[in-house]
């Protein structure tokens, strides 16, 4: 942005990286460049993204930005955990925590976007719009696009979901949406 890049640059970069990833060119490049070179670059880019995220939003939305990082952090934790353990080797006393991290990290980009939007709407005192975000979270959860309960993050159809967890999580989001709508209903009744 500082150098005058517009939405065209972002679109071109996204298409180029998507094309490179789809054709396998990115994988080839990643094998050529040592990880010791890539890690500092990614860390710098991550810090710059975080700095810009806070600088680009109104101060009232800072909690929403912070909250949106939780699924990303869960994904990073899962990257490290999965280097040492598999779902089959998780101790019994840690299985609930492992499942929670798995569910939170799967679909982390979509989760972060929707959670950030939902909390920003609450900061702006727009509970109806926040309820729409919560409803979208419920819908995406049913299909595993976010909060997939499969350790690999696979998506699924709601009627082929593995277990009742997707329905429980989606129902929880719908309950949150309902709660967001309650204050407006009662405040309208008082008038």
C-alpha atoms as a PDB file:
ATOM      1  CA  UNK A   1       0.000   0.000   0.000  1.00  0.00           C
ATOM      2  CA  UNK A   2       2.825   2.370   0.848  1.00  0.00           C
ATOM      3  CA  UNK A   3       4.221   1.939  -2.664  1.00  0.00           C
ATOM      4  CA  UNK A   4       0.858   2.621  -4.331  1.00  0.00           C
ATOM      5  CA  UNK A   5      -0.413  -0.937  -4.870  1.00  0.00           C
ATOM      6  CA  UNK A   6      -4.148  -1.164  -5.498  1.00  0.00           C
ATOM      7  CA  UNK A   7      -6.670  -3.980  -5.486  1.00  0.00           C
ATOM      8  CA  UNK A   8      -5.280  -5.046  -8.880  1.00  0.00           C
ATOM      9  CA  UNK A   9      -1.957  -6.006  -7.295  1.00  0.00           C
ATOM     10  CA  UNK A  10      -3.743  -8.047  -4.615  1.00  0.00           C
ATOM     11  CA  UNK A  11      -5.885  -9.779  -7.237  1.00  0.00           C
ATOM     12  CA  UNK A  12      -2.884 -10.526  -9.463  1.00  0.00           C
ATOM     13  CA  UNK A  13      -0.855 -11.846  -6.514  1.00  0.00           C
ATOM     14  CA  UNK A  14      -3.753 -14.054  -5.371  1.00  0.00           C
ATOM     15  CA  UNK A  15      -4.292 -15.447  -8.866  1.00  0.00           C
ATOM     16  CA  UNK A  16      -0.585 -16.043  -9.414  1.00  0.00           C
ATOM     17  CA  UNK A  17      -0.130 -17.833  -6.101  1.00  0.00           C
ATOM     18  CA  UNK A  18      -3.347 -19.818  -6.632  1.00  0.00           C
ATOM     19  CA  UNK A  19      -2.198 -20.857 -10.096  1.00  0.00           C
ATOM     20  CA  UNK A  20       1.261 -21.715  -8.770  1.00  0.00           C
ATOM     21  CA  UNK A  21      -0.198 -23.768  -5.933  1.00  0.00           C
ATOM     22  CA  UNK A  22      -2.654 -25.537  -8.237  1.00  0.00           C
ATOM     23  CA  UNK A  23       0.036 -26.501 -10.739  1.00  0.00           C
ATOM     24  CA  UNK A  24       2.621 -27.504  -8.139  1.00  0.00           C
ATOM     25  CA  UNK A  25       5.094 -24.729  -8.959  1.00  0.00           C
ATOM     26  CA  UNK A  26       4.928 -23.342  -5.402  1.00  0.00           C
ATOM     27  CA  UNK A  27       5.784 -26.785  -3.990  1.00  0.00           C
ATOM     28  CA  UNK A  28       8.826 -26.995  -6.245  1.00  0.00           C
ATOM     29  CA  UNK A  29       9.990 -23.549  -5.195  1.00  0.00           C
ATOM     30  CA  UNK A  30       9.462 -24.428  -1.521  1.00  0.00           C
ATOM     31  CA  UNK A  31      11.701 -27.483  -1.864  1.00  0.00           C
ATOM     32  CA  UNK A  32      14.468 -25.436  -3.479  1.00  0.00           C
ATOM     33  CA  UNK A  33      14.535 -22.634  -0.896  1.00  0.00           C
ATOM     34  CA  UNK A  34      15.814 -23.756   2.536  1.00  0.00           C
ATOM     35  CA  UNK A  35      13.363 -23.478   5.443  1.00  0.00           C
ATOM     36  CA  UNK A  36      15.956 -21.472   7.382  1.00  0.00           C
ATOM     37  CA  UNK A  37      15.624 -18.757   4.725  1.00  0.00           C
ATOM     38  CA  UNK A  38      11.825 -18.863   4.546  1.00  0.00           C
ATOM     39  CA  UNK A  39      11.106 -18.800   8.286  1.00  0.00           C
ATOM     40  CA  UNK A  40      12.398 -15.258   8.963  1.00  0.00           C
ATOM     41  CA  UNK A  41      10.613 -13.967   5.865  1.00  0.00           C
ATOM     42  CA  UNK A  42       7.317 -15.499   6.993  1.00  0.00           C
ATOM     43  CA  UNK A  43       7.785 -14.168  10.518  1.00  0.00           C
ATOM     44  CA  UNK A  44       8.429 -10.660   9.188  1.00  0.00           C
ATOM     45  CA  UNK A  45       5.405 -10.863   6.894  1.00  0.00           C
ATOM     46  CA  UNK A  46       3.284 -12.103   9.803  1.00  0.00           C
ATOM     47  CA  UNK A  47       4.366  -9.200  12.009  1.00  0.00           C
ATOM     48  CA  UNK A  48       3.643  -6.740   9.208  1.00  0.00           C
ATOM     49  CA  UNK A  49       0.181  -8.204   8.630  1.00  0.00           C
ATOM     50  CA  UNK A  50      -0.614  -7.924  12.342  1.00  0.00           C
ATOM     51  CA  UNK A  51       0.656  -4.327  12.457  1.00  0.00           C
ATOM     52  CA  UNK A  52      -1.424  -3.379   9.424  1.00  0.00           C
ATOM     53  CA  UNK A  53      -4.492  -5.148  10.802  1.00  0.00           C
ATOM     54  CA  UNK A  54      -4.467  -2.967  13.901  1.00  0.00           C
ATOM     55  CA  UNK A  55      -3.543   0.188  11.987  1.00  0.00           C
ATOM     56  CA  UNK A  56      -6.249  -0.226   9.350  1.00  0.00           C
ATOM     57  CA  UNK A  57      -9.235  -0.694  11.667  1.00  0.00           C
ATOM     58  CA  UNK A  58     -10.915   1.769  13.997  1.00  0.00           C
ATOM     59  CA  UNK A  59      -9.678   1.504  17.573  1.00  0.00           C
ATOM     60  CA  UNK A  60     -13.044   0.148  18.684  1.00  0.00           C
ATOM     61  CA  UNK A  61     -12.472  -2.883  16.437  1.00  0.00           C
ATOM     62  CA  UNK A  62      -9.110  -3.804  17.965  1.00  0.00           C
ATOM     63  CA  UNK A  63     -10.696  -6.487  20.194  1.00  0.00           C
ATOM     64  CA  UNK A  64     -12.245  -8.034  17.060  1.00  0.00           C
ATOM     65  CA  UNK A  65      -8.821  -8.202  15.403  1.00  0.00           C
ATOM     66  CA  UNK A  66      -7.343  -9.794  18.508  1.00  0.00           C
ATOM     67  CA  UNK A  67     -10.199 -12.303  18.786  1.00  0.00           C
ATOM     68  CA  UNK A  68      -9.762 -13.247  15.119  1.00  0.00           C
ATOM     69  CA  UNK A  69      -6.224 -14.430  15.867  1.00  0.00           C
ATOM     70  CA  UNK A  70      -7.382 -17.275  18.157  1.00  0.00           C
ATOM     71  CA  UNK A  71      -8.182 -19.747  15.341  1.00  0.00           C
ATOM     72  CA  UNK A  72      -4.854 -18.871  13.702  1.00  0.00           C
ATOM     73  CA  UNK A  73      -2.986 -19.526  16.940  1.00  0.00           C
ATOM     74  CA  UNK A  74      -4.843 -22.830  17.326  1.00  0.00           C
ATOM     75  CA  UNK A  75      -3.721 -23.800  13.823  1.00  0.00           C
ATOM     76  CA  UNK A  76      -0.105 -22.972  14.658  1.00  0.00           C
ATOM     77  CA  UNK A  77      -0.309 -25.028  17.848  1.00  0.00           C
ATOM     78  CA  UNK A  78      -1.699 -27.952  15.850  1.00  0.00           C
ATOM     79  CA  UNK A  79       1.190 -27.720  13.372  1.00  0.00           C
ATOM     80  CA  UNK A  80       3.643 -28.162  16.236  1.00  0.00           C
ATOM     81  CA  UNK A  81       1.591 -30.821  18.053  1.00  0.00           C
ATOM     82  CA  UNK A  82       1.132 -32.936  14.943  1.00  0.00           C
ATOM     83  CA  UNK A  83       4.900 -33.202  14.570  1.00  0.00           C
ATOM     84  CA  UNK A  84       5.018 -35.169  17.832  1.00  0.00           C
ATOM     85  CA  UNK A  85       1.661 -36.903  18.184  1.00  0.00           C
ATOM     86  CA  UNK A  86      -1.147 -38.326  16.079  1.00  0.00           C
ATOM     87  CA  UNK A  87      -4.831 -38.385  17.023  1.00  0.00           C
ATOM     88  CA  UNK A  88      -4.403 -42.047  18.002  1.00  0.00           C
ATOM     89  CA  UNK A  89      -1.535 -41.355  20.414  1.00  0.00           C
ATOM     90  CA  UNK A  90      -3.109 -38.470  22.341  1.00  0.00           C
ATOM     91  CA  UNK A  91      -3.355 -39.387  26.043  1.00  0.00           C
ATOM     92  CA  UNK A  92      -6.929 -39.891  27.239  1.00  0.00           C
ATOM     93  CA  UNK A  93      -6.777 -36.932  29.631  1.00  0.00           C
ATOM     94  CA  UNK A  94      -5.812 -34.621  26.732  1.00  0.00           C
ATOM     95  CA  UNK A  95      -8.227 -35.893  24.077  1.00  0.00           C
ATOM     96  CA  UNK A  96     -10.883 -33.241  24.744  1.00  0.00           C
ATOM     97  CA  UNK A  97      -8.293 -30.466  24.477  1.00  0.00           C
ATOM     98  CA  UNK A  98      -6.831 -31.991  21.311  1.00  0.00           C
ATOM     99  CA  UNK A  99     -10.303 -32.233  19.724  1.00  0.00           C
ATOM    100  CA  UNK A 100     -11.032 -28.613  20.701  1.00  0.00           C
ATOM    101  CA  UNK A 101      -7.796 -27.413  19.088  1.00  0.00           C
ATOM    102  CA  UNK A 102      -8.524 -29.516  16.001  1.00  0.00           C
ATOM    103  CA  UNK A 103     -12.027 -28.109  15.642  1.00  0.00           C
ATOM    104  CA  UNK A 104     -10.877 -24.530  16.255  1.00  0.00           C
ATOM    105  CA  UNK A 105      -7.964 -24.764  13.820  1.00  0.00           C
ATOM    106  CA  UNK A 106      -9.784 -26.433  10.910  1.00  0.00           C
ATOM    107  CA  UNK A 107     -11.011 -23.728   8.573  1.00  0.00           C
ATOM    108  CA  UNK A 108      -9.123 -21.128  10.604  1.00  0.00           C
ATOM    109  CA  UNK A 109      -9.129 -18.465   7.866  1.00  0.00           C
ATOM    110  CA  UNK A 110     -12.899 -18.507   7.451  1.00  0.00           C
ATOM    111  CA  UNK A 111     -13.370 -18.713  11.219  1.00  0.00           C
ATOM    112  CA  UNK A 112     -11.089 -15.723  11.808  1.00  0.00           C
ATOM    113  CA  UNK A 113     -12.883 -13.621   9.192  1.00  0.00           C
ATOM    114  CA  UNK A 114     -16.351 -14.408  10.526  1.00  0.00           C
ATOM    115  CA  UNK A 115     -15.409 -14.059  14.198  1.00  0.00           C
ATOM    116  CA  UNK A 116     -13.713 -10.736  13.511  1.00  0.00           C
ATOM    117  CA  UNK A 117     -16.742  -9.479  11.595  1.00  0.00           C
ATOM    118  CA  UNK A 118     -19.134 -10.669  14.280  1.00  0.00           C
ATOM    119  CA  UNK A 119     -17.218  -8.961  17.078  1.00  0.00           C
ATOM    120  CA  UNK A 120     -16.787  -5.777  15.035  1.00  0.00           C
ATOM    121  CA  UNK A 121     -20.576  -5.663  14.582  1.00  0.00           C
ATOM    122  CA  UNK A 122     -21.044  -6.037  18.315  1.00  0.00           C
ATOM    123  CA  UNK A 123     -18.554  -3.209  18.906  1.00  0.00           C
ATOM    124  CA  UNK A 124     -20.615  -1.046  16.551  1.00  0.00           C
ATOM    125  CA  UNK A 125     -23.823  -2.014  18.410  1.00  0.00           C
ATOM    126  CA  UNK A 126     -25.257  -3.866  15.397  1.00  0.00           C
ATOM    127  CA  UNK A 127     -26.464  -7.142  16.919  1.00  0.00           C
ATOM    128  CA  UNK A 128     -28.650  -8.057  13.940  1.00  0.00           C
ATOM    129  CA  UNK A 129     -25.645  -8.089  11.640  1.00  0.00           C
ATOM    130  CA  UNK A 130     -23.655  -9.985  14.274  1.00  0.00           C
ATOM    131  CA  UNK A 131     -26.477 -12.551  14.287  1.00  0.00           C
ATOM    132  CA  UNK A 132     -26.022 -12.959  10.522  1.00  0.00           C
ATOM    133  CA  UNK A 133     -22.329 -13.677  11.079  1.00  0.00           C
ATOM    134  CA  UNK A 134     -23.192 -16.246  13.751  1.00  0.00           C
ATOM    135  CA  UNK A 135     -25.730 -17.864  11.404  1.00  0.00           C
ATOM    136  CA  UNK A 136     -23.107 -18.046   8.648  1.00  0.00           C
ATOM    137  CA  UNK A 137     -20.762 -19.716  11.135  1.00  0.00           C
ATOM    138  CA  UNK A 138     -23.473 -22.284  11.877  1.00  0.00           C
ATOM    139  CA  UNK A 139     -24.013 -23.009   8.182  1.00  0.00           C
ATOM    140  CA  UNK A 140     -20.303 -23.381   7.396  1.00  0.00           C
ATOM    141  CA  UNK A 141     -19.850 -25.580  10.469  1.00  0.00           C
ATOM    142  CA  UNK A 142     -22.501 -28.013   9.244  1.00  0.00           C
ATOM    143  CA  UNK A 143     -20.433 -28.632   6.110  1.00  0.00           C
ATOM    144  CA  UNK A 144     -17.050 -28.680   7.850  1.00  0.00           C
ATOM    145  CA  UNK A 145     -15.837 -25.580   6.012  1.00  0.00           C
ATOM    146  CA  UNK A 146     -14.989 -24.315   9.466  1.00  0.00           C
ATOM    147  CA  UNK A 147     -14.658 -26.357  12.660  1.00  0.00           C
ATOM    148  CA  UNK A 148     -14.356 -29.644  10.765  1.00  0.00           C
ATOM    149  CA  UNK A 149     -14.213 -32.422  13.341  1.00  0.00           C
ATOM    150  CA  UNK A 150     -12.094 -34.592  11.050  1.00  0.00           C
ATOM    151  CA  UNK A 151      -8.412 -34.248  12.059  1.00  0.00           C
ATOM    152  CA  UNK A 152      -7.393 -33.680   8.426  1.00  0.00           C
ATOM    153  CA  UNK A 153      -9.925 -30.854   8.065  1.00  0.00           C
ATOM    154  CA  UNK A 154     -12.021 -32.602   5.433  1.00  0.00           C
ATOM    155  CA  UNK A 155     -15.386 -31.110   4.523  1.00  0.00           C
ATOM    156  CA  UNK A 156     -18.538 -33.191   4.552  1.00  0.00           C
ATOM    157  CA  UNK A 157     -22.252 -33.018   3.973  1.00  0.00           C
ATOM    158  CA  UNK A 158     -24.293 -32.460   7.134  1.00  0.00           C
ATOM    159  CA  UNK A 159     -26.059 -35.815   6.831  1.00  0.00           C
ATOM    160  CA  UNK A 160     -22.668 -37.578   6.482  1.00  0.00           C
ATOM    161  CA  UNK A 161     -20.994 -35.723   9.325  1.00  0.00           C
ATOM    162  CA  UNK A 162     -18.838 -37.835  11.624  1.00  0.00           C
ATOM    163  CA  UNK A 163     -20.789 -37.807  14.874  1.00  0.00           C
ATOM    164  CA  UNK A 164     -22.948 -35.138  16.444  1.00  0.00           C
ATOM    165  CA  UNK A 165     -20.242 -32.520  17.049  1.00  0.00           C
ATOM    166  CA  UNK A 166     -20.977 -30.479  13.892  1.00  0.00           C
ATOM    167  CA  UNK A 167     -24.658 -30.257  14.861  1.00  0.00           C
ATOM    168  CA  UNK A 168     -23.742 -29.285  18.425  1.00  0.00           C
ATOM    169  CA  UNK A 169     -21.377 -26.545  17.281  1.00  0.00           C
ATOM    170  CA  UNK A 170     -23.806 -25.255  14.643  1.00  0.00           C
ATOM    171  CA  UNK A 171     -26.589 -25.256  17.230  1.00  0.00           C
ATOM    172  CA  UNK A 172     -24.370 -23.265  19.557  1.00  0.00           C
ATOM    173  CA  UNK A 173     -23.820 -20.653  16.867  1.00  0.00           C
ATOM    174  CA  UNK A 174     -27.572 -20.445  16.273  1.00  0.00           C
ATOM    175  CA  UNK A 175     -28.093 -19.964  20.002  1.00  0.00           C
ATOM    176  CA  UNK A 176     -25.560 -17.123  19.911  1.00  0.00           C
ATOM    177  CA  UNK A 177     -27.426 -15.584  16.946  1.00  0.00           C
ATOM    178  CA  UNK A 178     -30.678 -15.839  18.880  1.00  0.00           C
ATOM    179  CA  UNK A 179     -29.094 -14.139  21.901  1.00  0.00           C
ATOM    180  CA  UNK A 180     -27.834 -11.319  19.683  1.00  0.00           C
ATOM    181  CA  UNK A 181     -31.389 -10.740  18.503  1.00  0.00           C
ATOM    182  CA  UNK A 182     -32.935 -10.754  21.989  1.00  0.00           C
ATOM    183  CA  UNK A 183     -31.917  -7.245  23.085  1.00  0.00           C
ATOM    184  CA  UNK A 184     -33.499  -5.651  20.027  1.00  0.00           C
ATOM    185  CA  UNK A 185     -36.735  -7.554  20.525  1.00  0.00           C
ATOM    186  CA  UNK A 186     -37.035  -6.469  24.138  1.00  0.00           C
ATOM    187  CA  UNK A 187     -35.936  -2.882  23.492  1.00  0.00           C
ATOM    188  CA  UNK A 188     -38.576  -2.576  20.727  1.00  0.00           C
ATOM    189  CA  UNK A 189     -41.258  -3.918  23.092  1.00  0.00           C
ATOM    190  CA  UNK A 190     -40.465  -1.202  25.639  1.00  0.00           C
ATOM    191  CA  UNK A 191     -41.085   1.580  23.120  1.00  0.00           C
END
